[in-house]
PDB file of N, CA and C in Angstrom:
ATOM      1  N   MET A   1       0.780  -1.146   0.027  1.00  0.00           N
ATOM      2  CA  MET A   1       0.174  -0.090   0.053  1.00  0.00           C
ATOM      3  C   MET A   1       0.704   1.265  -0.092  1.00  0.00           C
ATOM      4  N   ASP A   2       1.989   1.137   0.698  1.00  0.00           N
ATOM      5  CA  ASP A   2       3.024   2.402   0.860  1.00  0.00           C
ATOM      6  C   ASP A   2       3.443   2.841  -0.645  1.00  0.00           C
ATOM      7  N   THR A   3       3.667   1.663  -1.491  1.00  0.00           N
ATOM      8  CA  THR A   3       4.190   2.041  -2.731  1.00  0.00           C
ATOM      9  C   THR A   3       3.295   2.786  -3.614  1.00  0.00           C
ATOM     10  N   ILE A   4       1.878   2.193  -3.441  1.00  0.00           N
ATOM     11  CA  ILE A   4       0.895   3.113  -4.234  1.00  0.00           C
ATOM     12  C   ILE A   4       0.779   4.550  -3.723  1.00  0.00           C
ATOM     13  N   LEU A   5       0.938   4.781  -2.459  1.00  0.00           N
ATOM     14  CA  LEU A   5       0.777   6.109  -1.963  1.00  0.00           C
ATOM     15  C   LEU A   5       1.973   6.958  -2.458  1.00  0.00           C
ATOM     16  N   GLN A   6       3.208   6.384  -2.484  1.00  0.00           N
ATOM     17  CA  GLN A   6       4.406   6.915  -2.894  1.00  0.00           C
ATOM     18  C   GLN A   6       4.169   7.252  -4.546  1.00  0.00           C
ATOM     19  N   ASP A   7       3.696   6.319  -5.072  1.00  0.00           N
ATOM     20  CA  ASP A   7       3.591   6.481  -6.680  1.00  0.00           C
ATOM     21  C   ASP A   7       2.693   7.687  -6.868  1.00  0.00           C
ATOM     22  N   MET A   8       1.628   7.652  -6.119  1.00  0.00           N
ATOM     23  CA  MET A   8       0.478   8.645  -6.238  1.00  0.00           C
ATOM     24  C   MET A   8       1.159  10.162  -6.021  1.00  0.00           C
ATOM     25  N   GLN A   9       1.775  10.269  -5.057  1.00  0.00           N
ATOM     26  CA  GLN A   9       2.559  11.516  -4.569  1.00  0.00           C
ATOM     27  C   GLN A   9       3.527  11.902  -5.697  1.00  0.00           C
ATOM     28  N   LEU A  10       4.343  10.884  -6.326  1.00  0.00           N
ATOM     29  CA  LEU A  10       5.250  11.297  -7.389  1.00  0.00           C
ATOM     30  C   LEU A  10       4.418  11.666  -8.664  1.00  0.00           C
ATOM     31  N   THR A  11       3.478  11.204  -8.940  1.00  0.00           N
ATOM     32  CA  THR A  11       2.536  11.639  -9.949  1.00  0.00           C
ATOM     33  C   THR A  11       2.017  12.775  -9.808  1.00  0.00           C
ATOM     34  N   ARG A  12       1.502  13.302  -8.479  1.00  0.00           N
ATOM     35  CA  ARG A  12       1.159  14.623  -8.254  1.00  0.00           C
ATOM     36  C   ARG A  12       2.366  15.735  -8.603  1.00  0.00           C
ATOM     37  N   ASP A  13       3.617  15.256  -7.969  1.00  0.00           N
ATOM     38  CA  ASP A  13       4.756  16.046  -8.030  1.00  0.00           C
ATOM     39  C   ASP A  13       5.063  16.324  -9.678  1.00  0.00           C
ATOM     40  N   TYR A  14       5.121  15.180 -10.453  1.00  0.00           N
ATOM     41  CA  TYR A  14       5.391  15.485 -11.747  1.00  0.00           C
ATOM     42  C   TYR A  14       4.294  16.273 -12.509  1.00  0.00           C
ATOM     43  N   CYS A  15       3.167  15.946 -12.169  1.00  0.00           N
ATOM     44  CA  CYS A  15       2.228  16.852 -12.678  1.00  0.00           C
ATOM     45  C   CYS A  15       2.261  18.340 -12.414  1.00  0.00           C
ATOM     46  N   SER A  16       2.563  18.631 -11.209  1.00  0.00           N
ATOM     47  CA  SER A  16       2.916  20.018 -10.620  1.00  0.00           C
ATOM     48  C   SER A  16       4.147  20.662 -11.446  1.00  0.00           C
ATOM     49  N   LEU A  17       5.187  19.882 -11.698  1.00  0.00           N
ATOM     50  CA  LEU A  17       6.382  20.385 -12.482  1.00  0.00           C
ATOM     51  C   LEU A  17       5.884  20.707 -13.884  1.00  0.00           C
ATOM     52  N   GLY A  18       5.075  19.716 -14.473  1.00  0.00           N
ATOM     53  CA  GLY A  18       4.643  20.030 -15.839  1.00  0.00           C
ATOM     54  C   GLY A  18       3.775  21.103 -15.937  1.00  0.00           C
ATOM     55  N   HIS A  19       2.919  21.474 -15.046  1.00  0.00           N
ATOM     56  CA  HIS A  19       2.088  22.541 -15.012  1.00  0.00           C
ATOM     57  C   HIS A  19       2.829  23.989 -14.882  1.00  0.00           C
ATOM     58  N   ALA A  20       4.034  23.753 -13.986  1.00  0.00           N
ATOM     59  CA  ALA A  20       4.851  24.874 -13.816  1.00  0.00           C
ATOM     60  C   ALA A  20       5.666  25.233 -15.112  1.00  0.00           C
ATOM     61  N   LEU A  21       6.140  24.118 -15.904  1.00  0.00           N
ATOM     62  CA  LEU A  21       6.837  24.420 -17.050  1.00  0.00           C
ATOM     63  C   LEU A  21       5.821  24.949 -18.180  1.00  0.00           C
ATOM     64  N   ARG A  22       4.538  24.402 -18.133  1.00  0.00           N
ATOM     65  CA  ARG A  22       3.643  24.866 -19.178  1.00  0.00           C
ATOM     66  C   ARG A  22       3.428  26.410 -18.998  1.00  0.00           C
ATOM     67  N   LYS A  23       3.136  26.796 -17.617  1.00  0.00           N
ATOM     68  CA  LYS A  23       3.033  28.076 -17.196  1.00  0.00           C
ATOM     69  C   LYS A  23       4.086  29.041 -17.581  1.00  0.00           C
ATOM     70  N   LYS A  24       5.383  28.703 -17.184  1.00  0.00           N
ATOM     71  CA  LYS A  24       6.547  29.370 -17.544  1.00  0.00           C
ATOM     72  C   LYS A  24       6.839  29.674 -19.271  1.00  0.00           C
ATOM     73  N   LEU A  25       6.333  28.690 -20.030  1.00  0.00           N
ATOM     74  CA  LEU A  25       6.314  28.758 -21.369  1.00  0.00           C
ATOM     75  C   LEU A  25       5.084  29.267 -21.979  1.00  0.00           C
ATOM     76  N   ASN A  26       4.130  29.657 -21.259  1.00  0.00           N
ATOM     77  CA  ASN A  26       2.858  30.147 -21.586  1.00  0.00           C
ATOM     78  C   ASN A  26       2.233  29.236 -22.615  1.00  0.00           C
ATOM     79  N   ILE A  27       2.202  27.961 -22.313  1.00  0.00           N
ATOM     80  CA  ILE A  27       1.628  26.994 -23.126  1.00  0.00           C
ATOM     81  C   ILE A  27       0.229  26.469 -22.418  1.00  0.00           C
ATOM     82  N   PRO A  28      -0.798  26.705 -22.831  1.00  0.00           N
ATOM     83  CA  PRO A  28      -1.926  26.330 -21.988  1.00  0.00           C
ATOM     84  C   PRO A  28      -2.146  24.801 -21.937  1.00  0.00           C
ATOM     85  N   VAL A  29      -2.782  24.104 -20.881  1.00  0.00           N
ATOM     86  CA  VAL A  29      -2.940  22.886 -20.901  1.00  0.00           C
ATOM     87  C   VAL A  29      -3.899  22.185 -22.038  1.00  0.00           C
ATOM     88  N   SER A  30      -4.647  23.105 -22.455  1.00  0.00           N
ATOM     89  CA  SER A  30      -5.536  22.632 -23.465  1.00  0.00           C
ATOM     90  C   SER A  30      -4.909  22.481 -24.697  1.00  0.00           C
ATOM     91  N   TYR A  31      -3.597  22.812 -24.860  1.00  0.00           N
ATOM     92  CA  TYR A  31      -2.744  22.617 -26.071  1.00  0.00           C
ATOM     93  C   TYR A  31      -2.027  21.242 -26.100  1.00  0.00           C
ATOM     94  N   PRO A  32      -2.326  20.438 -26.849  1.00  0.00           N
ATOM     95  CA  PRO A  32      -1.659  19.090 -26.720  1.00  0.00           C
ATOM     96  C   PRO A  32      -0.213  19.112 -27.121  1.00  0.00           C
ATOM     97  N   LEU A  33       0.602  18.253 -26.320  1.00  0.00           N
ATOM     98  CA  LEU A  33       1.924  18.126 -26.769  1.00  0.00           C
ATOM     99  C   LEU A  33       2.146  16.600 -26.986  1.00  0.00           C
ATOM    100  N   TYR A  34       3.321  16.355 -27.650  1.00  0.00           N
ATOM    101  CA  TYR A  34       3.518  14.887 -28.002  1.00  0.00           C
ATOM    102  C   TYR A  34       4.077  14.046 -26.991  1.00  0.00           C
ATOM    103  N   GLU A  35       5.137  14.443 -26.325  1.00  0.00           N
ATOM    104  CA  GLU A  35       5.787  13.562 -25.147  1.00  0.00           C
ATOM    105  C   GLU A  35       6.481  14.245 -24.219  1.00  0.00           C
ATOM    106  N   ALA A  36       6.731  13.491 -22.950  1.00  0.00           N
ATOM    107  CA  ALA A  36       7.463  14.024 -21.947  1.00  0.00           C
ATOM    108  C   ALA A  36       8.282  12.805 -21.372  1.00  0.00           C
ATOM    109  N   HIS A  37       9.336  13.141 -20.821  1.00  0.00           N
ATOM    110  CA  HIS A  37      10.048  12.027 -20.191  1.00  0.00           C
ATOM    111  C   HIS A  37      10.488  12.519 -18.616  1.00  0.00           C
ATOM    112  N   ILE A  38      10.252  11.488 -17.767  1.00  0.00           N
ATOM    113  CA  ILE A  38      10.403  11.674 -16.325  1.00  0.00           C
ATOM    114  C   ILE A  38      11.563  10.924 -15.789  1.00  0.00           C
ATOM    115  N   ASN A  39      12.357  11.382 -14.931  1.00  0.00           N
ATOM    116  CA  ASN A  39      13.481  10.559 -14.221  1.00  0.00           C
ATOM    117  C   ASN A  39      12.909   9.498 -13.369  1.00  0.00           C
ATOM    118  N   GLY A  40      13.868   8.431 -13.242  1.00  0.00           N
ATOM    119  CA  GLY A  40      13.435   7.444 -12.191  1.00  0.00           C
ATOM    120  C   GLY A  40      14.169   7.384 -11.065  1.00  0.00           C
ATOM    121  N   ASN A  41      14.934   8.518 -10.773  1.00  0.00           N
ATOM    122  CA  ASN A  41      15.853   8.551  -9.626  1.00  0.00           C
ATOM    123  C   ASN A  41      14.953   8.781  -8.416  1.00  0.00           C
ATOM    124  N   THR A  42      14.112   8.037  -8.089  1.00  0.00           N
ATOM    125  CA  THR A  42      13.212   8.432  -6.966  1.00  0.00           C
ATOM    126  C   THR A  42      13.331   7.457  -5.685  1.00  0.00           C
ATOM    127  N   GLY A  43      14.199   6.469  -5.782  1.00  0.00           N
ATOM    128  CA  GLY A  43      14.435   5.590  -4.783  1.00  0.00           C
ATOM    129  C   GLY A  43      13.415   4.388  -4.920  1.00  0.00           C
ATOM    130  N   ILE A  44      12.323   4.430  -5.726  1.00  0.00           N
ATOM    131  CA  ILE A  44      11.300   3.425  -5.715  1.00  0.00           C
ATOM    132  C   ILE A  44      11.272   2.744  -7.231  1.00  0.00           C
ATOM    133  N   GLY A  45      12.078   3.476  -8.111  1.00  0.00           N
ATOM    134  CA  GLY A  45      12.094   2.892  -9.437  1.00  0.00           C
ATOM    135  C   GLY A  45      11.150   3.719 -10.168  1.00  0.00           C
ATOM    136  N   PHE A  46      10.757   3.343 -11.594  1.00  0.00           N
ATOM    137  CA  PHE A  46       9.887   4.105 -12.508  1.00  0.00           C
ATOM    138  C   PHE A  46       8.584   3.885 -12.184  1.00  0.00           C
ATOM    139  N   LEU A  47       7.556   4.834 -12.445  1.00  0.00           N
ATOM    140  CA  LEU A  47       6.373   4.765 -12.158  1.00  0.00           C
ATOM    141  C   LEU A  47       5.739   3.802 -13.304  1.00  0.00           C
ATOM    142  N   THR A  48       4.559   3.114 -12.889  1.00  0.00           N
ATOM    143  CA  THR A  48       3.968   2.185 -13.803  1.00  0.00           C
ATOM    144  C   THR A  48       3.324   2.996 -14.910  1.00  0.00           C
ATOM    145  N   LYS A  49       2.948   2.222 -15.932  1.00  0.00           N
ATOM    146  CA  LYS A  49       2.148   2.877 -17.053  1.00  0.00           C
ATOM    147  C   LYS A  49       0.765   3.377 -16.586  1.00  0.00           C
ATOM    148  N   ASP A  50       0.132   2.934 -15.655  1.00  0.00           N
ATOM    149  CA  ASP A  50      -1.091   3.452 -15.056  1.00  0.00           C
ATOM    150  C   ASP A  50      -0.789   4.936 -14.527  1.00  0.00           C
ATOM    151  N   PHE A  51       0.333   4.980 -13.715  1.00  0.00           N
ATOM    152  CA  PHE A  51       0.556   6.326 -13.254  1.00  0.00           C
ATOM    153  C   PHE A  51       0.971   7.488 -14.122  1.00  0.00           C
ATOM    154  N   ARG A  52       1.826   6.773 -15.232  1.00  0.00           N
ATOM    155  CA  ARG A  52       2.130   7.671 -16.289  1.00  0.00           C
ATOM    156  C   ARG A  52       1.046   8.194 -17.097  1.00  0.00           C
ATOM    157  N   GLN A  53      -0.153   7.338 -17.226  1.00  0.00           N
ATOM    158  CA  GLN A  53      -1.215   7.593 -17.917  1.00  0.00           C
ATOM    159  C   GLN A  53      -1.805   8.851 -17.266  1.00  0.00           C
ATOM    160  N   LEU A  54      -1.964   8.778 -15.835  1.00  0.00           N
ATOM    161  CA  LEU A  54      -2.523   9.846 -15.023  1.00  0.00           C
ATOM    162  C   LEU A  54      -1.773  11.282 -15.559  1.00  0.00           C
ATOM    163  N   ILE A  55      -0.416  11.229 -15.551  1.00  0.00           N
ATOM    164  CA  ILE A  55       0.381  12.380 -15.894  1.00  0.00           C
ATOM    165  C   ILE A  55      -0.127  12.970 -17.333  1.00  0.00           C
ATOM    166  N   GLN A  56      -0.105  11.906 -18.252  1.00  0.00           N
ATOM    167  CA  GLN A  56      -0.488  12.126 -19.617  1.00  0.00           C
ATOM    168  C   GLN A  56      -1.939  12.961 -19.609  1.00  0.00           C
ATOM    169  N   ASP A  57      -2.883  12.407 -19.056  1.00  0.00           N
ATOM    170  CA  ASP A  57      -4.130  13.021 -18.844  1.00  0.00           C
ATOM    171  C   ASP A  57      -4.204  14.249 -18.317  1.00  0.00           C
ATOM    172  N   GLU A  58      -3.462  14.585 -17.279  1.00  0.00           N
ATOM    173  CA  GLU A  58      -3.461  15.734 -16.470  1.00  0.00           C
ATOM    174  C   GLU A  58      -2.864  16.816 -17.397  1.00  0.00           C
ATOM    175  N   LEU A  59      -1.682  16.556 -18.067  1.00  0.00           N
ATOM    176  CA  LEU A  59      -0.863  17.545 -18.768  1.00  0.00           C
ATOM    177  C   LEU A  59      -1.131  17.589 -20.159  1.00  0.00           C
ATOM    178  N   ASN A  60      -2.094  16.717 -20.689  1.00  0.00           N
ATOM    179  CA  ASN A  60      -2.577  16.874 -22.076  1.00  0.00           C
ATOM    180  C   ASN A  60      -1.258  16.381 -22.867  1.00  0.00           C
ATOM    181  N   ILE A  61      -0.748  15.344 -22.546  1.00  0.00           N
ATOM    182  CA  ILE A  61       0.498  14.893 -23.261  1.00  0.00           C
ATOM    183  C   ILE A  61       0.300  13.641 -23.760  1.00  0.00           C
ATOM    184  N   ASP A  62       0.615  13.307 -25.078  1.00  0.00           N
ATOM    185  CA  ASP A  62       0.492  12.032 -25.795  1.00  0.00           C
ATOM    186  C   ASP A  62       1.257  10.880 -25.090  1.00  0.00           C
ATOM    187  N   HIS A  63       2.476  10.961 -24.563  1.00  0.00           N
ATOM    188  CA  HIS A  63       3.116   9.890 -24.169  1.00  0.00           C
ATOM    189  C   HIS A  63       4.093  10.401 -23.039  1.00  0.00           C
ATOM    190  N   VAL A  64       3.999   9.746 -22.070  1.00  0.00           N
ATOM    191  CA  VAL A  64       4.972  10.108 -20.815  1.00  0.00           C
ATOM    192  C   VAL A  64       5.862   8.789 -20.717  1.00  0.00           C
ATOM    193  N   GLU A  65       7.141   8.781 -20.831  1.00  0.00           N
ATOM    194  CA  GLU A  65       8.004   7.803 -20.616  1.00  0.00           C
ATOM    195  C   GLU A  65       9.130   7.935 -19.594  1.00  0.00           C
ATOM    196  N   PRO A  66       9.849   6.895 -19.230  1.00  0.00           N
ATOM    197  CA  PRO A  66      10.916   7.103 -18.335  1.00  0.00           C
ATOM    198  C   PRO A  66      12.101   7.647 -19.233  1.00  0.00           C
ATOM    199  N   PHE A  67      13.090   8.233 -18.599  1.00  0.00           N
ATOM    200  CA  PHE A  67      14.245   8.669 -19.420  1.00  0.00           C
ATOM    201  C   PHE A  67      14.977   7.711 -20.313  1.00  0.00           C
ATOM    202  N   ILE A  68      14.820   6.241 -20.120  1.00  0.00           N
ATOM    203  CA  ILE A  68      15.499   5.430 -20.822  1.00  0.00           C
ATOM    204  C   ILE A  68      15.154   5.261 -22.273  1.00  0.00           C
ATOM    205  N   SER A  69      14.136   6.057 -22.750  1.00  0.00           N
ATOM    206  CA  SER A  69      13.725   6.159 -24.045  1.00  0.00           C
ATOM    207  C   SER A  69      14.315   7.473 -24.718  1.00  0.00           C
ATOM    208  N   THR A  70      14.083   7.597 -26.046  1.00  0.00           N
ATOM    209  CA  THR A  70      14.768   8.932 -26.725  1.00  0.00           C
ATOM    210  C   THR A  70      13.640   9.721 -27.255  1.00  0.00           C
ATOM    211  N   PHE A  71      13.973  10.874 -27.468  1.00  0.00           N
ATOM    212  CA  PHE A  71      12.935  11.661 -28.225  1.00  0.00           C
ATOM    213  C   PHE A  71      13.323  11.715 -29.795  1.00  0.00           C
ATOM    214  N   SER A  72      12.394  12.229 -30.510  1.00  0.00           N
ATOM    215  CA  SER A  72      12.609  12.449 -31.822  1.00  0.00           C
ATOM    216  C   SER A  72      13.736  13.485 -32.158  1.00  0.00           C
ATOM    217  N   LYS A  73      14.365  13.339 -33.217  1.00  0.00           N
ATOM    218  CA  LYS A  73      15.425  14.063 -33.565  1.00  0.00           C
ATOM    219  C   LYS A  73      14.947  15.628 -33.886  1.00  0.00           C
ATOM    220  N   TYR A  74      13.563  15.688 -34.030  1.00  0.00           N
ATOM    221  CA  TYR A  74      13.019  17.135 -34.225  1.00  0.00           C
ATOM    222  C   TYR A  74      12.386  17.785 -33.068  1.00  0.00           C
ATOM    223  N   ALA A  75      12.507  17.116 -31.903  1.00  0.00           N
ATOM    224  CA  ALA A  75      11.951  17.581 -30.657  1.00  0.00           C
ATOM    225  C   ALA A  75      12.555  18.895 -30.238  1.00  0.00           C
ATOM    226  N   GLU A  76      11.748  19.673 -29.637  1.00  0.00           N
ATOM    227  CA  GLU A  76      12.047  20.881 -29.078  1.00  0.00           C
ATOM    228  C   GLU A  76      11.894  20.828 -27.442  1.00  0.00           C
ATOM    229  N   LEU A  77      13.069  20.712 -26.886  1.00  0.00           N
ATOM    230  CA  LEU A  77      12.898  20.284 -25.436  1.00  0.00           C
ATOM    231  C   LEU A  77      13.041  21.281 -24.457  1.00  0.00           C
ATOM    232  N   GLU A  78      12.322  21.263 -23.422  1.00  0.00           N
ATOM    233  CA  GLU A  78      12.253  22.212 -22.255  1.00  0.00           C
ATOM    234  C   GLU A  78      12.218  21.259 -21.006  1.00  0.00           C
ATOM    235  N   GLU A  79      12.896  21.630 -20.031  1.00  0.00           N
ATOM    236  CA  GLU A  79      12.967  20.857 -18.706  1.00  0.00           C
ATOM    237  C   GLU A  79      12.765  21.701 -17.585  1.00  0.00           C
ATOM    238  N   ILE A  80      12.406  21.095 -16.471  1.00  0.00           N
ATOM    239  CA  ILE A  80      12.212  21.722 -15.131  1.00  0.00           C
ATOM    240  C   ILE A  80      12.686  20.530 -14.119  1.00  0.00           C
ATOM    241  N   GLU A  81      13.338  20.836 -13.105  1.00  0.00           N
ATOM    242  CA  GLU A  81      13.709  19.821 -11.920  1.00  0.00           C
ATOM    243  C   GLU A  81      13.440  20.510 -10.608  1.00  0.00           C
ATOM    244  N   LYS A  82      12.942  19.694  -9.690  1.00  0.00           N
ATOM    245  CA  LYS A  82      12.735  20.164  -8.355  1.00  0.00           C
ATOM    246  C   LYS A  82      12.865  19.074  -7.438  1.00  0.00           C
ATOM    247  N   ASN A  83      13.695  19.089  -6.383  1.00  0.00           N
ATOM    248  CA  ASN A  83      13.831  18.077  -5.222  1.00  0.00           C
ATOM    249  C   ASN A  83      14.184  16.600  -5.947  1.00  0.00           C
ATOM    250  N   GLY A  84      15.022  16.656  -6.985  1.00  0.00           N
ATOM    251  CA  GLY A  84      15.390  15.480  -7.587  1.00  0.00           C
ATOM    252  C   GLY A  84      14.570  14.884  -8.449  1.00  0.00           C
ATOM    253  N   LEU A  85      13.409  15.571  -8.800  1.00  0.00           N
ATOM    254  CA  LEU A  85      12.469  14.999  -9.716  1.00  0.00           C
ATOM    255  C   LEU A  85      12.668  15.874 -11.082  1.00  0.00           C
ATOM    256  N   LYS A  86      12.611  15.393 -12.164  1.00  0.00           N
ATOM    257  CA  LYS A  86      12.872  16.157 -13.467  1.00  0.00           C
ATOM    258  C   LYS A  86      11.853  15.585 -14.496  1.00  0.00           C
ATOM    259  N   ILE A  87      11.298  16.517 -15.181  1.00  0.00           N
ATOM    260  CA  ILE A  87      10.436  16.266 -16.438  1.00  0.00           C
ATOM    261  C   ILE A  87      10.969  17.089 -17.564  1.00  0.00           C
ATOM    262  N   VAL A  88      11.003  16.337 -18.669  1.00  0.00           N
ATOM    263  CA  VAL A  88      11.571  17.001 -19.938  1.00  0.00           C
ATOM    264  C   VAL A  88      10.424  16.844 -21.052  1.00  0.00           C
ATOM    265  N   ILE A  89       9.840  17.908 -21.354  1.00  0.00           N
ATOM    266  CA  ILE A  89       8.752  17.821 -22.346  1.00  0.00           C
ATOM    267  C   ILE A  89       9.159  18.488 -23.733  1.00  0.00           C
ATOM    268  N   ASP A  90       8.685  17.755 -24.719  1.00  0.00           N
ATOM    269  CA  ASP A  90       8.798  18.120 -26.138  1.00  0.00           C
ATOM    270  C   ASP A  90       7.763  19.229 -26.367  1.00  0.00           C
ATOM    271  N   VAL A  91       8.045  20.418 -26.549  1.00  0.00           N
ATOM    272  CA  VAL A  91       7.184  21.482 -26.715  1.00  0.00           C
ATOM    273  C   VAL A  91       7.092  22.012 -28.088  1.00  0.00           C
ATOM    274  N   SER A  92       7.451  21.254 -29.085  1.00  0.00           N
ATOM    275  CA  SER A  92       7.476  21.561 -30.415  1.00  0.00           C
ATOM    276  C   SER A  92       5.998  21.511 -30.910  1.00  0.00           C
ATOM    277  N   LYS A  93       5.554  22.412 -31.824  1.00  0.00           N
ATOM    278  CA  LYS A  93       4.276  22.615 -32.277  1.00  0.00           C
ATOM    279  C   LYS A  93       4.194  22.278 -33.741  1.00  0.00           C
ATOM    280  N   ASP A  94       3.237  21.716 -34.237  1.00  0.00           N
ATOM    281  CA  ASP A  94       3.012  21.489 -35.569  1.00  0.00           C
ATOM    282  C   ASP A  94       1.439  21.540 -35.868  1.00  0.00           C
ATOM    283  N   HIS A  95       1.291  21.320 -37.278  1.00  0.00           N
ATOM    284  CA  HIS A  95      -0.221  21.632 -37.763  1.00  0.00           C
ATOM    285  C   HIS A  95      -1.137  20.609 -37.014  1.00  0.00           C
ATOM    286  N   TYR A  96      -0.801  19.368 -36.836  1.00  0.00           N
ATOM    287  CA  TYR A  96      -1.571  18.553 -36.285  1.00  0.00           C
ATOM    288  C   TYR A  96      -1.918  18.861 -34.882  1.00  0.00           C
ATOM    289  N   LEU A  97      -1.037  19.098 -34.024  1.00  0.00           N
ATOM    290  CA  LEU A  97      -1.263  19.735 -32.632  1.00  0.00           C
ATOM    291  C   LEU A  97      -2.059  20.875 -32.643  1.00  0.00           C
ATOM    292  N   GLN A  98      -1.655  21.864 -33.465  1.00  0.00           N
ATOM    293  CA  GLN A  98      -2.643  23.022 -33.666  1.00  0.00           C
ATOM    294  C   GLN A  98      -4.010  22.807 -33.947  1.00  0.00           C
ATOM    295  N   ARG A  99      -4.410  21.672 -34.827  1.00  0.00           N
ATOM    296  CA  ARG A  99      -5.666  21.511 -35.211  1.00  0.00           C
ATOM    297  C   ARG A  99      -6.454  20.755 -34.133  1.00  0.00           C
ATOM    298  N   ARG A 100      -5.653  20.075 -33.494  1.00  0.00           N
ATOM    299  CA  ARG A 100      -6.204  19.192 -32.125  1.00  0.00           C
ATOM    300  C   ARG A 100      -6.650  20.336 -31.071  1.00  0.00           C
ATOM    301  N   TYR A 101      -5.808  21.217 -30.890  1.00  0.00           N
ATOM    302  CA  TYR A 101      -6.085  22.443 -29.978  1.00  0.00           C
ATOM    303  C   TYR A 101      -7.335  23.305 -30.372  1.00  0.00           C
ATOM    304  N   GLU A 102      -7.337  23.446 -31.685  1.00  0.00           N
ATOM    305  CA  GLU A 102      -8.420  24.440 -32.154  1.00  0.00           C
ATOM    306  C   GLU A 102      -9.965  23.619 -32.136  1.00  0.00           C
ATOM    307  N   GLU A 103      -9.657  22.258 -32.252  1.00  0.00           N
ATOM    308  CA  GLU A 103     -11.071  21.507 -32.189  1.00  0.00           C
ATOM    309  C   GLU A 103     -11.540  21.397 -30.695  1.00  0.00           C
ATOM    310  N   ARG A 104     -10.435  21.238 -29.788  1.00  0.00           N
ATOM    311  CA  ARG A 104     -10.996  21.185 -28.450  1.00  0.00           C
ATOM    312  C   ARG A 104     -11.433  22.517 -27.976  1.00  0.00           C
ATOM    313  N   LYS A 105     -10.836  23.630 -28.518  1.00  0.00           N
ATOM    314  CA  LYS A 105     -11.302  24.994 -28.037  1.00  0.00           C
ATOM    315  C   LYS A 105     -12.757  25.082 -28.623  1.00  0.00           C
ATOM    316  N   ALA A 106     -13.006  24.806 -29.776  1.00  0.00           N
ATOM    317  CA  ALA A 106     -14.279  24.733 -30.428  1.00  0.00           C
ATOM    318  C   ALA A 106     -15.345  24.033 -29.669  1.00  0.00           C
ATOM    319  N   ARG A 107     -14.955  22.744 -29.249  1.00  0.00           N
ATOM    320  CA  ARG A 107     -15.935  21.944 -28.526  1.00  0.00           C
ATOM    321  C   ARG A 107     -16.185  22.848 -27.155  1.00  0.00           C
ATOM    322  N   SER A 108     -15.288  23.204 -26.460  1.00  0.00           N
ATOM    323  CA  SER A 108     -15.289  23.892 -25.321  1.00  0.00           C
ATOM    324  C   SER A 108     -16.368  25.214 -25.464  1.00  0.00           C
ATOM    325  N   GLU A 109     -16.188  26.020 -26.539  1.00  0.00           N
ATOM    326  CA  GLU A 109     -16.887  27.219 -26.639  1.00  0.00           C
ATOM    327  C   GLU A 109     -18.463  26.625 -26.937  1.00  0.00           C
ATOM    328  N   GLU A 110     -18.514  25.574 -27.764  1.00  0.00           N
ATOM    329  CA  GLU A 110     -19.866  25.115 -27.971  1.00  0.00           C
ATOM    330  C   GLU A 110     -20.629  24.725 -26.776  1.00  0.00           C
ATOM    331  N   ASN A 111     -19.922  23.913 -25.937  1.00  0.00           N
ATOM    332  CA  ASN A 111     -20.552  23.412 -24.658  1.00  0.00           C
ATOM    333  C   ASN A 111     -20.771  24.760 -23.710  1.00  0.00           C
ATOM    334  N   GLN A 112     -20.079  25.796 -23.786  1.00  0.00           N
ATOM    335  CA  GLN A 112     -20.349  26.883 -22.769  1.00  0.00           C
ATOM    336  C   GLN A 112     -21.562  27.624 -23.433  1.00  0.00           C
ATOM    337  N   ASN A 113     -21.698  27.635 -24.831  1.00  0.00           N
ATOM    338  CA  ASN A 113     -23.003  28.264 -25.434  1.00  0.00           C
ATOM    339  C   ASN A 113     -24.264  27.408 -25.034  1.00  0.00           C
ATOM    340  N   ARG A 114     -23.986  26.126 -25.012  1.00  0.00           N
ATOM    341  CA  ARG A 114     -25.039  25.158 -24.779  1.00  0.00           C
ATOM    342  C   ARG A 114     -25.456  25.546 -23.215  1.00  0.00           C
ATOM    343  N   LYS A 115     -24.454  25.774 -22.493  1.00  0.00           N
ATOM    344  CA  LYS A 115     -24.822  25.880 -20.958  1.00  0.00           C
ATOM    345  C   LYS A 115     -25.441  27.313 -20.766  1.00  0.00           C
ATOM    346  N   LYS A 116     -25.036  28.246 -21.317  1.00  0.00           N
ATOM    347  CA  LYS A 116     -25.613  29.515 -21.244  1.00  0.00           C
ATOM    348  C   LYS A 116     -27.156  29.529 -21.805  1.00  0.00           C
ATOM    349  N   GLN A 117     -27.291  28.706 -22.785  1.00  0.00           N
ATOM    350  CA  GLN A 117     -28.756  28.669 -23.364  1.00  0.00           C
ATOM    351  C   GLN A 117     -29.595  27.594 -22.435  1.00  0.00           C
ATOM    352  N   GLY A 118     -29.083  27.022 -21.439  1.00  0.00           N
ATOM    353  CA  GLY A 118     -29.760  26.176 -20.611  1.00  0.00           C
ATOM    354  C   GLY A 118     -30.052  24.766 -21.071  1.00  0.00           C
ATOM    355  N   LEU A 119     -29.216  24.434 -22.300  1.00  0.00           N
ATOM    356  CA  LEU A 119     -29.473  23.209 -22.777  1.00  0.00           C
ATOM    357  C   LEU A 119     -28.624  22.123 -22.142  1.00  0.00           C
ATOM    358  N   GLU A 120     -29.235  20.867 -22.078  1.00  0.00           N
ATOM    359  CA  GLU A 120     -28.633  19.674 -21.481  1.00  0.00           C
ATOM    360  C   GLU A 120     -28.343  18.621 -22.587  1.00  0.00           C
ATOM    361  N   TYR A 121     -27.354  17.842 -22.309  1.00  0.00           N
ATOM    362  CA  TYR A 121     -26.960  16.807 -23.296  1.00  0.00           C
ATOM    363  C   TYR A 121     -28.176  15.822 -23.525  1.00  0.00           C
ATOM    364  N   GLY A 122     -28.475  15.465 -24.689  1.00  0.00           N
ATOM    365  CA  GLY A 122     -29.581  14.657 -25.061  1.00  0.00           C
ATOM    366  C   GLY A 122     -31.000  15.295 -25.041  1.00  0.00           C
ATOM    367  N   LYS A 123     -31.188  16.409 -24.608  1.00  0.00           N
ATOM    368  CA  LYS A 123     -32.390  17.066 -24.877  1.00  0.00           C
ATOM    369  C   LYS A 123     -32.456  18.040 -25.923  1.00  0.00           C
ATOM    370  N   LYS A 124     -33.597  18.165 -26.598  1.00  0.00           N
ATOM    371  CA  LYS A 124     -33.745  18.949 -27.603  1.00  0.00           C
ATOM    372  C   LYS A 124     -34.463  20.388 -27.309  1.00  0.00           C
TER     373      LYS A 124
END
């Protein structure tokens, strides 16, 4: 049980680092990014895929991997480190990511308009 609690705390810490880096670079969480790598020098090993998935969902990043894997040669890397934890994020942008961002933004605006009009899902 302690390992699960430690992994969840690490997950929260990595998410906080990722949010801080996005804020520093003025990249909203609604803008998708391709990948991030996290260090495993935590004393308990690498986070499992399930915990990395939580980080992916929270930070809107397609892939979160341990540092043992490599980035694309076209990656534009930014990193942040605190208390021995480090996250490196590929912040490069392309037309595919821009389109996903715009689609998400349009859905959000549509939902806000529905909410203002008092419409509920499934009702006409």
